[in-house]
Amino acid sequence: MKQQSRHNPPMRRFRSYLLSIVFVVAISVPAMNMFIDFIPDVQINENRLKAPFPAFDFKKLDPFPREFEVYFEDHFVSRNFFLKQYMKLNLLLFQKSVIPDKAVVGTDGWLYMSGFELESYRGDSLFTSAELAEFTAEIMRRDSIVRTSGGHYYFIIVPCKHSVYPEYLPDFAEKKVAKNNAELVIDNLQRCTGVNCLFPLKEIQKHKSSQYYLYSKTDNHWNHLGAFYAAQAVTELIRKDFPAVKPLRLSDYKIVVKRQRGGNIAEMFGLQDELSEDFISLEPIRPMKSHAAAKQNYPVLEGFAYPDEYELVYETGNDSLPKMLVIRESFATYATPFLSESASKSVFIFDAWQHKFNPEIFESEKPDIYIQFVMEGFLRQMLRYSRAEKGALQ
């Protein structure tokens, strides 16, 4: 029967008609939508600028066709709608990422950043012996400056989601080395220096449970609970030098679970609504002592996307507590309310993922505690910016 149907004229005609209909719909729908506007506008964060309309020059006609083609593809009517359906089909049906250079699809609905986060976790670009020695020397230099002024320096490496939840990663994303850069740096600092340092991977992982996740499934950041356990570990490190600082206790907070739209990785796919998830947050049972205070209005780095978050200042009114300066990044956002409880005054500087020492701010604040937060994927970038900063000071 199969052999007969292959040569069945009506069947061949039906297939031809079907293909013709699909083709006509594919080319007609975008044009019709220009006038009827029945396809909704869909926002997709592709993390890039769309191609501009190419300049037309009779003297340089060769590149114009290709440049116009790129422009047309970017500005094609309803392009985002069809792109979203394509992403949705591949992600939800085949568990496949159509943007593998930006995101990785794991199991059970887990999404991970690719690029430098994945590479740093796997150990694709390990520090050479010379780079490791240079990085260690830089941290020792910062520690020495703070100690000379009578303060204490704390270098904190934030674990990425890949390190905390590797069990949901696809096979190709598995760790390739015994120790990646984060582990090499911490081991070297602990073995060869007296610097206060912490990579709280074990401290966070020991609190993993099936009831409450510590990191978002559709975002690359931890949630409030993950941030709390990291801040708790940092606070215990600080308490060795400042016994007056009280330990953080989870019993002082209420765990709240709320359904919300998907995070920044879901946004890359344009599927924030389809990939909603339970977000874990913490609400204090009693009023917190720290409150927002006046800023010094330090100059915001040019081009920084979040100028309102560049400088955050909190005070507790307890002068017996130490003063704190934190050079942070996005991961420390959720840790801020917990850490600010441990200081009389705390200043948080979001220096656009450069992780510099920022000597001007240090000299102005003269903190008792200087905390440097860096997510493990940014260690190599931190080394590059530290070279630039030292060069500018020479």
Protein backbone atom coordinates (compact mmCIF):
# COMPACT_ATOMS: atom_id res chain seq x y z
CA MET A 1 0.00 0.00 0.00
CA LYS A 2 2.86 2.39 0.83
CA GLN A 3 4.35 1.80 -2.62
CA GLN A 4 1.02 2.57 -4.27
CA SER A 5 0.35 5.73 -2.28
CA ARG A 6 3.75 7.09 -3.31
CA HIS A 7 2.61 7.09 -6.91
CA ASN A 8 -0.98 8.04 -6.15
CA PRO A 9 -1.71 11.22 -8.17
CA PRO A 10 -4.30 12.54 -5.69
CA MET A 11 -1.82 12.12 -2.82
CA ARG A 12 0.90 13.92 -4.76
CA ARG A 13 -1.52 16.73 -5.57
CA PHE A 14 -2.56 17.01 -1.91
CA ARG A 15 1.07 17.34 -0.81
CA SER A 16 1.72 19.93 -3.48
CA TYR A 17 -1.34 21.91 -2.42
CA LEU A 18 -0.30 21.70 1.24
CA LEU A 19 3.23 22.91 0.52
CA SER A 20 1.82 25.69 -1.63
CA ILE A 21 -0.52 26.80 1.16
CA VAL A 22 2.30 26.79 3.74
CA PHE A 23 4.49 28.79 1.36
CA VAL A 24 1.77 31.35 0.63
CA VAL A 25 0.97 31.74 4.33
CA ALA A 26 4.66 32.15 5.20
CA ILE A 27 5.16 34.99 2.74
CA SER A 28 1.69 36.56 3.11
CA VAL A 29 1.25 36.75 6.87
CA PRO A 30 4.04 39.31 7.48
CA ALA A 31 2.75 41.50 4.65
CA MET A 32 -0.87 41.26 5.89
CA ASN A 33 0.26 42.08 9.40
CA MET A 34 1.61 45.43 8.17
CA PHE A 35 -1.99 46.51 7.52
CA ILE A 36 -4.11 44.44 9.92
CA ASP A 37 -1.60 44.09 12.78
CA PHE A 38 -3.03 40.79 14.06
CA ILE A 39 0.30 39.30 15.17
CA PRO A 40 1.32 40.61 18.60
CA ASP A 41 4.56 42.51 19.04
CA VAL A 42 7.05 40.28 20.83
CA GLN A 43 10.09 41.54 22.66
CA ILE A 44 13.14 39.29 22.55
CA ASN A 45 16.39 40.19 24.23
CA GLU A 46 19.05 39.15 21.75
CA ASN A 47 21.68 41.16 23.62
CA ARG A 48 22.77 43.05 20.50
CA LEU A 49 21.85 46.09 18.43
CA LYS A 50 19.79 45.65 15.27
CA ALA A 51 21.51 46.40 11.99
CA PRO A 52 21.03 50.01 10.77
CA PHE A 53 19.82 50.83 7.27
CA PRO A 54 22.94 50.69 5.08
CA ALA A 55 24.29 53.81 3.46
CA PHE A 56 23.92 53.85 -0.32
CA ASP A 57 26.99 54.91 -2.25
CA PHE A 58 27.38 54.51 -6.04
CA LYS A 59 31.11 54.22 -5.50
CA LYS A 60 30.71 51.31 -3.07
CA LEU A 61 27.86 49.18 -4.37
CA ASP A 62 29.36 45.75 -3.63
CA PRO A 63 28.58 45.56 0.13
CA PHE A 64 25.10 47.15 -0.17
CA PRO A 65 23.11 43.98 -1.08
CA ARG A 66 24.48 41.99 1.85
CA GLU A 67 24.11 44.92 4.28
CA PHE A 68 20.51 45.44 3.16
CA GLU A 69 19.81 41.74 3.58
CA VAL A 70 21.05 41.88 7.18
CA TYR A 71 18.96 45.01 7.79
CA PHE A 72 15.84 43.38 6.31
CA GLU A 73 16.30 40.22 8.41
CA ASP A 74 16.56 42.32 11.58
CA HIS A 75 13.58 44.57 10.77
CA PHE A 76 11.40 41.96 9.03
CA VAL A 77 7.76 42.54 9.99
CA SER A 78 6.70 40.03 12.71
CA ARG A 79 10.26 38.67 12.80
CA ASN A 80 10.22 38.49 16.61
CA PHE A 81 6.91 36.63 16.62
CA PHE A 82 8.18 33.88 14.34
CA LEU A 83 11.56 33.83 16.09
CA LYS A 84 9.80 33.33 19.43
CA GLN A 85 7.74 30.43 18.10
CA TYR A 86 10.90 28.85 16.72
CA MET A 87 12.69 29.25 20.06
CA LYS A 88 9.65 27.93 21.94
CA LEU A 89 9.37 24.86 19.75
CA ASN A 90 13.03 23.94 20.12
CA LEU A 91 13.18 24.67 23.85
CA LEU A 92 9.95 23.10 25.06
CA LEU A 93 9.67 20.22 22.61
CA PHE A 94 13.29 19.29 21.89
CA GLN A 95 15.09 20.80 24.93
CA LYS A 96 17.40 22.51 22.47
CA SER A 97 18.89 26.01 22.60
CA VAL A 98 18.81 27.99 19.37
CA ILE A 99 21.21 30.49 21.00
CA PRO A 100 23.92 28.09 22.25
CA ASP A 101 26.49 30.90 22.43
CA LYS A 102 24.32 32.61 25.07
CA ALA A 103 22.34 29.92 26.89
CA VAL A 104 22.35 26.18 27.58
CA VAL A 105 19.23 24.07 28.12
CA GLY A 106 19.54 21.65 31.02
CA THR A 107 17.14 19.03 32.35
CA ASP A 108 13.94 19.55 34.37
CA GLY A 109 13.49 23.11 33.09
CA TRP A 110 16.91 24.41 34.17
CA LEU A 111 18.57 27.03 31.97
CA TYR A 112 22.21 28.10 32.23
CA MET A 113 24.34 30.84 30.79
CA SER A 114 26.92 29.66 28.27
CA GLY A 115 29.89 31.81 27.25
CA PHE A 116 32.35 32.75 29.97
CA GLU A 117 30.22 31.33 32.82
CA LEU A 118 30.16 27.87 31.30
CA GLU A 119 33.79 28.09 30.18
CA SER A 120 34.98 29.08 33.65
CA TYR A 121 33.03 26.26 35.29
CA ARG A 122 34.29 23.62 32.85
CA GLY A 123 37.86 24.89 33.06
CA ASP A 124 38.16 25.75 29.36
CA SER A 125 40.52 28.67 30.03
CA LEU A 126 42.57 27.93 33.12
CA PHE A 127 45.02 30.47 34.52
CA THR A 128 48.61 29.73 33.65
CA SER A 129 51.06 29.49 36.54
CA ALA A 130 52.19 33.04 35.77
CA GLU A 131 48.59 34.35 35.69
CA LEU A 132 47.74 32.59 38.94
CA ALA A 133 50.80 34.11 40.59
CA GLU A 134 49.87 37.54 39.21
CA PHE A 135 46.29 37.23 40.46
CA THR A 136 47.47 36.12 43.91
CA ALA A 137 49.92 39.04 44.08
CA GLU A 138 47.13 41.48 43.19
CA ILE A 139 44.88 40.21 45.99
CA MET A 140 47.80 40.40 48.42
CA ARG A 141 48.45 43.98 47.30
CA ARG A 142 44.86 44.99 48.02
CA ASP A 143 44.92 43.19 51.35
CA SER A 144 48.14 45.00 52.30
CA ILE A 145 46.68 48.44 51.49
CA VAL A 146 43.61 47.79 53.64
CA ARG A 147 45.63 46.36 56.52
CA THR A 148 48.04 49.30 56.44
CA SER A 149 45.08 51.62 57.03
CA GLY A 150 43.92 49.49 59.95
CA GLY A 151 41.14 47.61 58.15
CA HIS A 152 40.43 44.04 57.09
CA TYR A 153 40.13 42.83 53.49
CA TYR A 154 37.84 39.93 52.46
CA PHE A 155 37.98 38.42 48.99
CA ILE A 156 34.80 36.50 48.11
CA ILE A 157 34.32 34.39 44.96
CA VAL A 158 30.63 33.81 44.20
CA PRO A 159 29.79 30.31 42.85
CA CYS A 160 27.90 30.33 39.56
CA LYS A 161 24.80 28.21 39.08
CA HIS A 162 26.77 25.61 37.15
CA SER A 163 28.89 24.89 40.23
CA VAL A 164 25.97 24.68 42.66
CA TYR A 165 23.59 22.72 40.41
CA PRO A 166 25.77 20.73 37.99
CA GLU A 167 23.36 17.78 38.04
CA TYR A 168 20.95 19.52 35.64
CA LEU A 169 23.59 20.43 33.05
CA PRO A 170 23.70 18.60 29.69
CA ASP A 171 26.55 16.12 29.21
CA PHE A 172 28.62 18.42 26.99
CA ALA A 173 28.68 21.04 29.76
CA GLU A 174 30.30 18.81 32.35
CA LYS A 175 33.39 19.99 34.21
CA LYS A 176 36.60 19.02 32.41
CA VAL A 177 39.17 19.62 35.14
CA ALA A 178 39.71 18.66 38.76
CA LYS A 179 39.93 22.34 39.74
CA ASN A 180 38.77 25.36 37.79
CA ASN A 181 40.03 28.94 38.21
CA ALA A 182 37.89 29.68 41.28
CA GLU A 183 39.23 26.63 43.10
CA LEU A 184 42.80 27.28 41.97
CA VAL A 185 42.69 30.88 43.18
CA ILE A 186 41.18 30.05 46.59
CA ASP A 187 43.58 27.13 47.12
CA ASN A 188 46.56 29.33 46.28
CA LEU A 189 45.41 32.19 48.50
CA GLN A 190 44.74 29.89 51.44
CA ARG A 191 48.02 28.01 51.01
CA CYS A 192 50.37 30.90 50.29
CA THR A 193 48.85 34.00 51.92
CA GLY A 194 47.05 35.20 55.03
CA VAL A 195 44.28 36.88 53.04
CA ASN A 196 40.72 36.40 54.26
CA CYS A 197 39.12 34.63 51.32
CA LEU A 198 36.10 32.45 50.67
CA PHE A 199 34.54 30.45 47.86
CA PRO A 200 31.31 29.43 49.66
CA LEU A 201 30.39 26.56 47.35
CA LYS A 202 30.20 23.90 50.07
CA GLU A 203 28.49 26.31 52.46
CA ILE A 204 25.74 26.87 49.87
CA GLN A 205 25.48 23.31 48.56
CA LYS A 206 24.91 21.81 52.00
CA HIS A 207 21.58 23.67 52.11
CA LYS A 208 20.30 22.29 48.79
CA SER A 209 16.89 20.67 49.02
CA SER A 210 14.02 19.63 46.78
CA GLN A 211 11.69 21.98 48.68
CA TYR A 212 13.55 25.25 48.07
CA TYR A 213 16.01 25.92 45.30
CA LEU A 214 18.85 28.33 46.04
CA TYR A 215 19.28 29.61 42.46
CA SER A 216 16.67 30.50 39.89
CA LYS A 217 15.95 27.90 37.21
CA THR A 218 15.53 30.51 34.47
CA ASP A 219 18.04 33.14 35.67
CA ASN A 220 21.78 32.94 36.28
CA HIS A 221 21.56 34.45 39.78
CA TRP A 222 20.82 32.98 43.17
CA ASN A 223 17.56 33.83 44.94
CA HIS A 224 17.21 35.38 48.41
CA LEU A 225 17.79 32.05 50.11
CA GLY A 226 21.00 31.34 48.20
CA ALA A 227 22.19 34.88 48.88
CA PHE A 228 21.41 34.46 52.58
CA TYR A 229 23.54 31.34 52.95
CA ALA A 230 26.42 33.07 51.14
CA ALA A 231 26.08 36.17 53.35
CA GLN A 232 25.90 33.93 56.40
CA ALA A 233 29.23 32.33 55.48
CA VAL A 234 30.80 35.75 54.82
CA THR A 235 29.51 37.02 58.17
CA GLU A 236 31.10 34.09 59.99
CA LEU A 237 34.41 34.96 58.34
CA ILE A 238 34.04 38.59 59.45
CA ARG A 239 33.16 37.57 63.01
CA LYS A 240 36.64 36.13 63.47
CA ASP A 241 37.97 39.70 63.33
CA PHE A 242 34.88 41.49 64.69
CA PRO A 243 33.20 39.42 67.43
CA ALA A 244 30.60 42.16 68.01
CA VAL A 245 29.03 41.30 64.66
CA LYS A 246 26.07 38.99 65.25
CA PRO A 247 25.61 35.80 63.22
CA LEU A 248 22.87 35.64 60.62
CA ARG A 249 20.05 33.24 61.51
CA LEU A 250 17.44 32.00 59.06
CA SER A 251 14.95 31.86 61.94
CA ASP A 252 14.84 35.67 61.81
CA TYR A 253 13.20 35.50 58.38
CA LYS A 254 10.09 34.07 56.81
CA ILE A 255 10.45 32.12 53.57
CA VAL A 256 8.02 33.36 50.94
CA VAL A 257 7.31 31.60 47.64
CA LYS A 258 5.77 33.61 44.81
CA ARG A 259 5.14 32.69 41.19
CA GLN A 260 6.84 35.14 38.85
CA ARG A 261 7.92 35.53 35.24
CA GLY A 262 11.04 33.80 34.06
CA GLY A 263 14.46 35.37 34.64
CA ASN A 264 17.13 36.84 32.41
CA ILE A 265 17.87 33.58 30.56
CA ALA A 266 14.18 33.03 29.82
CA GLU A 267 14.18 36.62 28.54
CA MET A 268 16.89 35.72 26.03
CA PHE A 269 14.44 33.22 24.53
CA GLY A 270 11.53 35.68 24.76
CA LEU A 271 9.70 33.17 26.98
CA GLN A 272 9.43 34.97 30.33
CA ASP A 273 5.68 34.22 30.59
CA GLU A 274 5.88 30.63 29.39
CA LEU A 275 8.81 29.87 31.72
CA SER A 276 7.45 31.34 34.94
CA GLU A 277 8.76 29.82 38.17
CA ASP A 278 8.50 29.94 41.94
CA PHE A 279 10.81 32.61 43.34
CA ILE A 280 12.11 32.15 46.89
CA SER A 281 12.42 35.33 48.93
CA LEU A 282 13.03 36.10 52.60
CA GLU A 283 11.03 38.60 54.65
CA PRO A 284 12.32 39.70 58.08
CA ILE A 285 10.09 38.73 60.96
CA ARG A 286 11.14 41.88 62.86
CA PRO A 287 12.11 45.26 61.40
CA MET A 288 15.67 45.30 60.15
CA LYS A 289 18.11 47.69 61.80
CA SER A 290 19.75 48.89 58.60
CA HIS A 291 18.06 51.57 56.54
CA ALA A 292 18.96 53.55 53.41
CA ALA A 293 21.16 56.57 54.10
CA ALA A 294 22.54 59.54 52.18
CA LYS A 295 24.92 58.77 49.32
CA GLN A 296 28.30 60.35 48.72
CA ASN A 297 27.37 60.50 45.02
CA TYR A 298 30.58 59.00 43.72
CA PRO A 299 30.97 59.51 39.94
CA VAL A 300 29.13 56.74 38.09
CA LEU A 301 31.17 54.91 35.49
CA GLU A 302 30.43 56.20 32.00
CA GLY A 303 28.01 53.96 30.12
CA PHE A 304 27.02 51.92 33.19
CA ALA A 305 23.56 50.47 32.54
CA TYR A 306 22.33 50.74 36.13
CA PRO A 307 23.37 54.18 37.43
CA ASP A 308 20.81 54.15 40.27
CA GLU A 309 22.41 50.97 41.62
CA TYR A 310 26.02 52.15 41.40
CA GLU A 311 26.10 53.38 44.99
CA LEU A 312 23.93 52.10 47.85
CA VAL A 313 24.40 53.27 51.45
CA TYR A 314 22.90 51.84 54.65
CA GLU A 315 23.20 52.69 58.33
CA THR A 316 22.15 50.81 61.46
CA GLY A 317 22.73 53.54 64.04
CA ASN A 318 24.97 51.19 66.02
CA ASP A 319 28.38 52.87 66.20
CA SER A 320 29.90 49.86 67.97
CA LEU A 321 29.77 47.98 64.68
CA PRO A 322 32.48 48.35 62.00
CA LYS A 323 32.21 50.46 58.85
CA MET A 324 31.94 48.40 55.66
CA LEU A 325 32.79 48.99 51.99
CA VAL A 326 31.65 46.38 49.47
CA ILE A 327 32.75 46.40 45.83
CA ARG A 328 30.03 44.29 44.33
CA GLU A 329 28.29 43.05 41.22
CA SER A 330 24.76 41.87 40.45
CA PHE A 331 25.06 38.71 42.59
CA ALA A 332 25.53 40.79 45.75
CA THR A 333 22.23 42.62 45.21
CA TYR A 334 20.23 40.06 47.20
CA ALA A 335 23.01 39.75 49.81
CA THR A 336 23.03 43.50 50.52
CA PRO A 337 20.22 43.59 53.14
CA PHE A 338 21.84 40.75 55.10
CA LEU A 339 25.38 42.15 55.08
CA SER A 340 24.27 45.70 55.92
CA GLU A 341 23.01 44.44 59.30
CA SER A 342 26.63 43.80 60.33
CA ALA A 343 27.91 47.39 60.01
CA SER A 344 27.34 50.83 61.46
CA LYS A 345 27.55 52.15 57.91
CA SER A 346 27.84 50.09 54.75
CA VAL A 347 28.58 51.36 51.26
CA PHE A 348 27.96 49.09 48.25
CA ILE A 349 29.60 50.04 44.95
CA PHE A 350 28.53 48.26 41.75
CA ASP A 351 31.57 48.99 39.58
CA ALA A 352 30.20 47.57 36.31
CA TRP A 353 31.80 44.14 36.72
CA GLN A 354 35.30 45.60 36.66
CA HIS A 355 36.17 44.48 40.22
CA LYS A 356 38.83 47.14 40.63
CA PHE A 357 40.22 48.21 44.00
CA ASN A 358 38.76 51.72 43.59
CA PRO A 359 41.36 53.57 45.72
CA GLU A 360 39.53 56.92 45.65
CA ILE A 361 36.42 55.43 47.24
CA PHE A 362 38.52 53.45 49.71
CA GLU A 363 40.37 56.58 50.82
CA SER A 364 37.11 58.48 51.18
CA GLU A 365 35.32 55.80 53.21
CA LYS A 366 38.25 54.46 55.28
CA PRO A 367 36.32 51.27 56.08
CA ASP A 368 37.07 48.75 58.82
CA ILE A 369 35.81 46.01 56.48
CA TYR A 370 36.51 45.91 52.74
CA ILE A 371 34.68 43.11 50.89
CA GLN A 372 35.37 42.30 47.23
CA PHE A 373 32.67 40.20 45.54
CA VAL A 374 33.43 38.56 42.19
CA MET A 375 31.45 35.83 40.48
CA GLU A 376 33.76 32.99 39.44
CA GLY A 377 33.16 33.61 35.75
CA PHE A 378 34.65 37.12 36.04
CA LEU A 379 38.03 36.17 37.53
CA ARG A 380 39.88 36.51 34.26
CA GLN A 381 38.14 39.81 33.53
CA MET A 382 39.07 41.02 37.03
CA LEU A 383 42.72 40.30 36.32
CA ARG A 384 42.53 42.30 33.09
CA TYR A 385 40.93 45.33 34.76
CA SER A 386 43.36 45.22 37.68
CA ARG A 387 46.24 45.51 35.21
CA ALA A 388 44.59 48.58 33.68
CA GLU A 389 43.96 50.14 37.08
CA LYS A 390 47.54 49.67 38.24
CA GLY A 391 48.82 51.04 34.95
CA ALA A 392 46.69 54.17 35.37
CA LEU A 393 48.07 54.74 38.88
CA GLN A 394 51.71 54.50 37.81
